[in-house]
C-alpha atoms as a PDB file:
ATOM      1  CA  MET A   1       0.330  -0.235   0.031  1.00  0.00           C
ATOM      2  CA  ALA A   2       1.336   3.531  -0.888  1.00  0.00           C
ATOM      3  CA  ILE A   3       1.326   6.373   1.978  1.00  0.00           C
ATOM      4  CA  TRP A   4       0.738   9.667   0.664  1.00  0.00           C
ATOM      5  CA  LYS A   5       2.474  12.150   1.897  1.00  0.00           C
ATOM      6  CA  ARG A   6       1.906  16.036   1.795  1.00  0.00           C
ATOM      7  CA  ARG A   7       4.876  18.106   0.559  1.00  0.00           C
ATOM      8  CA  LYS A   8       6.412  21.068   2.578  1.00  0.00           C
ATOM      9  CA  LEU A   9       4.745  24.311   0.747  1.00  0.00           C
ATOM     10  CA  LEU A  10       7.112  27.087   0.735  1.00  0.00           C
ATOM     11  CA  GLU A  11       6.275  29.793   3.513  1.00  0.00           C
ATOM     12  CA  ALA A  12       6.626  33.225   3.794  1.00  0.00           C
ATOM     13  CA  GLY A  13      10.139  34.648   4.678  1.00  0.00           C
ATOM     14  CA  VAL A  14      11.995  31.865   2.366  1.00  0.00           C
ATOM     15  CA  ARG A  15      14.185  31.794  -1.288  1.00  0.00           C
ATOM     16  CA  ALA A  16      11.846  30.445  -3.817  1.00  0.00           C
ATOM     17  CA  PRO A  17      13.908  27.714  -5.796  1.00  0.00           C
ATOM     18  CA  GLU A  18      15.235  29.404  -9.197  1.00  0.00           C
ATOM     19  CA  PHE A  19      13.665  27.572 -12.309  1.00  0.00           C
ATOM     20  CA  GLN A  20      12.934  27.320 -16.115  1.00  0.00           C
ATOM     21  CA  LEU A  21       9.840  26.578 -17.424  1.00  0.00           C
ATOM     22  CA  GLY A  22       8.984  26.307 -20.895  1.00  0.00           C
ATOM     23  CA  LEU A  23       6.749  29.410 -21.848  1.00  0.00           C
ATOM     24  CA  LEU A  24       3.056  28.480 -23.900  1.00  0.00           C
ATOM     25  CA  THR A  25       3.612  30.744 -26.210  1.00  0.00           C
ATOM     26  CA  GLY A  26       7.227  29.354 -26.767  1.00  0.00           C
ATOM     27  CA  GLY A  27      11.197  29.605 -25.921  1.00  0.00           C
ATOM     28  CA  GLU A  28      11.536  29.695 -22.028  1.00  0.00           C
ATOM     29  CA  THR A  29      11.688  31.911 -19.175  1.00  0.00           C
ATOM     30  CA  SER A  30      13.130  31.299 -15.558  1.00  0.00           C
ATOM     31  CA  LEU A  31      12.027  32.881 -12.314  1.00  0.00           C
ATOM     32  CA  HIS A  32      14.456  35.661 -12.347  1.00  0.00           C
ATOM     33  CA  THR A  33      13.323  36.702 -15.691  1.00  0.00           C
ATOM     34  CA  ILE A  34      10.122  37.051 -13.958  1.00  0.00           C
ATOM     35  CA  THR A  35      11.018  39.191 -10.834  1.00  0.00           C
ATOM     36  CA  ALA A  36      13.863  41.266 -12.858  1.00  0.00           C
ATOM     37  CA  ALA A  37      11.542  43.900 -12.637  1.00  0.00           C
ATOM     38  CA  GLY A  38       9.443  43.255  -9.504  1.00  0.00           C
ATOM     39  CA  PRO A  39       7.467  41.457  -7.884  1.00  0.00           C
ATOM     40  CA  ALA A  40       5.483  38.263  -8.995  1.00  0.00           C
ATOM     41  CA  VAL A  41       2.035  36.573  -8.574  1.00  0.00           C
ATOM     42  CA  CYS A  42       3.241  32.702  -9.690  1.00  0.00           C
ATOM     43  CA  VAL A  43      -0.087  30.697  -9.745  1.00  0.00           C
ATOM     44  CA  PHE A  44       0.303  26.378  -9.816  1.00  0.00           C
ATOM     45  CA  PHE A  45      -3.078  25.310 -11.430  1.00  0.00           C
ATOM     46  CA  LYS A  46      -4.594  22.613 -12.959  1.00  0.00           C
ATOM     47  CA  ILE A  47      -6.910  22.738 -15.380  1.00  0.00           C
ATOM     48  CA  SER A  48      -9.972  20.286 -14.033  1.00  0.00           C
ATOM     49  CA  CYS A  49      -9.582  22.017 -10.914  1.00  0.00           C
ATOM     50  CA  PRO A  50     -12.588  24.391 -10.021  1.00  0.00           C
ATOM     51  CA  VAL A  51     -11.027  26.047  -7.760  1.00  0.00           C
ATOM     52  CA  CYS A  52      -9.043  27.032 -10.438  1.00  0.00           C
ATOM     53  CA  GLN A  53     -11.532  27.863 -12.533  1.00  0.00           C
ATOM     54  CA  PHE A  54     -13.287  30.697 -10.172  1.00  0.00           C
ATOM     55  CA  THR A  55      -9.977  32.064  -9.331  1.00  0.00           C
ATOM     56  CA  LEU A  56      -7.906  32.633 -12.791  1.00  0.00           C
ATOM     57  CA  PRO A  57     -10.241  35.321 -13.879  1.00  0.00           C
ATOM     58  CA  PHE A  58      -9.859  37.606 -10.392  1.00  0.00           C
ATOM     59  CA  LEU A  59      -6.429  37.269 -11.080  1.00  0.00           C
ATOM     60  CA  GLU A  60      -7.019  38.056 -14.656  1.00  0.00           C
ATOM     61  CA  ARG A  61      -7.707  41.323 -13.009  1.00  0.00           C
ATOM     62  CA  ILE A  62      -4.985  42.173 -11.143  1.00  0.00           C
ATOM     63  CA  HIS A  63      -2.825  41.919 -14.496  1.00  0.00           C
ATOM     64  CA  ALA A  64      -4.936  43.939 -16.863  1.00  0.00           C
ATOM     65  CA  ALA A  65      -4.657  46.880 -14.046  1.00  0.00           C
ATOM     66  CA  GLY A  66      -0.317  46.569 -15.404  1.00  0.00           C
ATOM     67  CA  ALA A  67       1.146  47.410 -11.815  1.00  0.00           C
ATOM     68  CA  LEU A  68       1.668  43.568 -10.300  1.00  0.00           C
ATOM     69  CA  SER A  69       3.223  40.862 -13.168  1.00  0.00           C
ATOM     70  CA  VAL A  70       1.170  37.467 -12.998  1.00  0.00           C
ATOM     71  CA  TYR A  71       2.235  34.060 -14.080  1.00  0.00           C
ATOM     72  CA  GLY A  72       0.431  30.890 -14.442  1.00  0.00           C
ATOM     73  CA  ILE A  73       2.118  27.788 -13.711  1.00  0.00           C
ATOM     74  CA  SER A  74       0.107  25.232 -15.217  1.00  0.00           C
ATOM     75  CA  GLN A  75       0.682  21.524 -14.313  1.00  0.00           C
ATOM     76  CA  ASN A  76      -0.962  20.076 -17.466  1.00  0.00           C
ATOM     77  CA  GLY A  77      -0.155  20.535 -21.396  1.00  0.00           C
ATOM     78  CA  PRO A  78      -0.270  22.807 -24.022  1.00  0.00           C
ATOM     79  CA  GLU A  79      -2.990  22.627 -25.752  1.00  0.00           C
ATOM     80  CA  ASP A  80      -5.206  21.501 -22.589  1.00  0.00           C
ATOM     81  CA  THR A  81      -3.696  24.846 -20.797  1.00  0.00           C
ATOM     82  CA  ARG A  82      -4.756  27.191 -24.428  1.00  0.00           C
ATOM     83  CA  ASP A  83      -8.267  25.875 -24.096  1.00  0.00           C
ATOM     84  CA  PHE A  84      -8.294  26.890 -20.333  1.00  0.00           C
ATOM     85  CA  CYS A  85      -7.041  30.504 -20.820  1.00  0.00           C
ATOM     86  CA  GLN A  86      -8.806  30.923 -23.723  1.00  0.00           C
ATOM     87  CA  ARG A  87     -12.116  29.112 -22.201  1.00  0.00           C
ATOM     88  CA  TYR A  88     -12.115  31.482 -18.796  1.00  0.00           C
ATOM     89  CA  GLY A  89     -10.735  35.105 -20.359  1.00  0.00           C
ATOM     90  CA  VAL A  90      -6.194  34.728 -18.859  1.00  0.00           C
ATOM     91  CA  THR A  91      -4.215  36.410 -20.733  1.00  0.00           C
ATOM     92  CA  PHE A  92      -1.687  36.696 -18.433  1.00  0.00           C
ATOM     93  CA  PRO A  93       2.179  34.251 -19.819  1.00  0.00           C
ATOM     94  CA  MET A  94       1.664  30.834 -18.600  1.00  0.00           C
ATOM     95  CA  LEU A  95       4.721  28.721 -17.880  1.00  0.00           C
ATOM     96  CA  LEU A  96       4.348  24.489 -17.733  1.00  0.00           C
ATOM     97  CA  ASP A  97       5.107  22.737 -15.791  1.00  0.00           C
ATOM     98  CA  ARG A  98       5.270  19.184 -17.222  1.00  0.00           C
ATOM     99  CA  GLU A  99       3.806  16.043 -15.745  1.00  0.00           C
ATOM    100  CA  GLU A 100       5.794  13.979 -18.071  1.00  0.00           C
ATOM    101  CA  SER A 101       9.520  15.879 -16.323  1.00  0.00           C
ATOM    102  CA  GLY A 102       7.658  15.314 -13.043  1.00  0.00           C
ATOM    103  CA  PHE A 103       5.674  18.713 -12.140  1.00  0.00           C
ATOM    104  CA  PRO A 104      10.075  19.243 -10.641  1.00  0.00           C
ATOM    105  CA  VAL A 105       8.617  23.017  -9.799  1.00  0.00           C
ATOM    106  CA  SER A 106       5.685  21.922  -8.226  1.00  0.00           C
ATOM    107  CA  ASN A 107       7.777  19.780  -6.346  1.00  0.00           C
ATOM    108  CA  ALA A 108      10.677  22.040  -5.150  1.00  0.00           C
ATOM    109  CA  PHE A 109       7.789  24.677  -4.340  1.00  0.00           C
ATOM    110  CA  GLY A 110       5.694  22.109  -2.238  1.00  0.00           C
ATOM    111  CA  ILE A 111       2.520  22.423  -3.781  1.00  0.00           C
ATOM    112  CA  SER A 112       0.203  19.522  -2.740  1.00  0.00           C
ATOM    113  CA  SER A 113      -3.472  21.488  -3.756  1.00  0.00           C
ATOM    114  CA  VAL A 114      -4.146  24.441  -6.883  1.00  0.00           C
ATOM    115  CA  PRO A 115      -4.669  26.828  -7.041  1.00  0.00           C
ATOM    116  CA  THR A 116      -1.656  27.816  -4.866  1.00  0.00           C
ATOM    117  CA  ILE A 117      -0.662  31.259  -4.902  1.00  0.00           C
ATOM    118  CA  PHE A 118       3.074  32.752  -4.623  1.00  0.00           C
ATOM    119  CA  LEU A 119       3.874  36.988  -4.486  1.00  0.00           C
ATOM    120  CA  VAL A 120       7.967  36.201  -5.243  1.00  0.00           C
ATOM    121  CA  GLU A 121       9.796  39.654  -4.700  1.00  0.00           C
ATOM    122  CA  ALA A 122      12.428  40.979  -6.877  1.00  0.00           C
ATOM    123  CA  ALA A 123      15.492  39.275  -4.739  1.00  0.00           C
ATOM    124  CA  GLY A 124      13.515  35.927  -4.768  1.00  0.00           C
ATOM    125  CA  THR A 125      11.834  35.637  -1.647  1.00  0.00           C
ATOM    126  CA  VAL A 126       8.335  34.458  -1.085  1.00  0.00           C
ATOM    127  CA  SER A 127       5.759  37.176   0.747  1.00  0.00           C
ATOM    128  CA  HIS A 128       2.488  35.823   0.424  1.00  0.00           C
ATOM    129  CA  VAL A 129       1.013  32.302   0.488  1.00  0.00           C
ATOM    130  CA  ILE A 130      -2.047  31.444  -0.837  1.00  0.00           C
ATOM    131  CA  GLU A 131      -3.565  28.055  -1.237  1.00  0.00           C
ATOM    132  CA  GLY A 132      -7.007  27.321  -2.494  1.00  0.00           C
ATOM    133  CA  TRP A 133      -9.626  30.891  -2.589  1.00  0.00           C
ATOM    134  CA  ARG A 134      -9.653  33.439   0.649  1.00  0.00           C
ATOM    135  CA  LYS A 135     -12.195  36.430  -0.679  1.00  0.00           C
ATOM    136  CA  SER A 136      -9.654  38.054   1.955  1.00  0.00           C
ATOM    137  CA  GLU A 137      -5.970  37.192   0.970  1.00  0.00           C
ATOM    138  CA  VAL A 138      -7.098  37.825  -2.982  1.00  0.00           C
ATOM    139  CA  GLU A 139      -8.547  41.809  -2.005  1.00  0.00           C
ATOM    140  CA  TRP A 140      -5.316  41.460  -0.101  1.00  0.00           C
ATOM    141  CA  LEU A 141      -3.317  41.129  -3.341  1.00  0.00           C
ATOM    142  CA  SER A 142      -5.479  42.887  -5.381  1.00  0.00           C
ATOM    143  CA  GLY A 143      -4.802  45.998  -3.054  1.00  0.00           C
ATOM    144  CA  LYS A 144      -0.894  45.463  -3.854  1.00  0.00           C
ATOM    145  CA  ALA A 145      -1.571  45.916  -7.196  1.00  0.00           C
ATOM    146  CA  GLY A 146      -3.570  49.301  -6.366  1.00  0.00           C
ATOM    147  CA  VAL A 147      -6.168  47.326  -8.236  1.00  0.00           C
ATOM    148  CA  ARG A 148     -10.084  46.406  -6.989  1.00  0.00           C
ATOM    149  CA  THR A 149     -10.750  43.165  -8.581  1.00  0.00           C
ATOM    150  CA  ILE A 150     -13.590  41.705  -6.810  1.00  0.00           C
ATOM    151  CA  ARG A 151     -16.954  43.813  -7.043  1.00  0.00           C
ATOM    152  CA  GLN A 152     -20.375  43.815  -5.684  1.00  0.00           C
ATOM    153  CA  GLU A 153     -21.695  42.229  -8.278  1.00  0.00           C
ATOM    154  CA  ASP A 154     -19.593  39.440  -8.032  1.00  0.00           C
ATOM    155  CA  HIS A 155     -21.035  38.010  -4.960  1.00  0.00           C
ATOM    156  CA  VAL A 156     -17.966  35.593  -4.242  1.00  0.00           C
ATOM    157  CA  PRO A 157     -17.765  33.089  -1.468  1.00  0.00           C
ATOM    158  CA  GLU A 158     -14.772  33.880   1.535  1.00  0.00           C
ATOM    159  CA  TRP A 159     -12.842  30.443   0.937  1.00  0.00           C
ATOM    160  CA  LYS A 160     -13.085  27.604  -0.955  1.00  0.00           C
ATOM    161  CA  ALA A 161     -10.384  24.885  -0.192  1.00  0.00           C
ATOM    162  CA  GLY A 162      -7.838  23.950  -3.297  1.00  0.00           C
END
């Protein structure tokens, strides 16, 4: 019988592991490149996750405001990720952490559930971690970006497990 062990999720205050992943649009990028211009949001997700489907459009609003970089880290292949982005109106850059490679970046960050969101500062330090959907945390992140992403007409729950 296999025993499932929960990975140790990176916490605020630790240095994020450097990585290099392929971009959905082609080419590759690294954490160093992503954070070179300032803090960046990295959101790990799967296309089949209902909470991811709910959360990423709100992160798109942060991205659209332009004050804070947002990067998706998909645990799916390129075609499925492209379809997800089109269906949910997500335009921020997508990186591919592929199953064929053993999800190296997800494992390095300690991902056990999705969505998991990290705010990584320019120096590479994780300053904030959000697991699942937490309205107050997304509002905090929105405030960091200087934008209001959750509107009164959205009628969103306070919490949804990832």
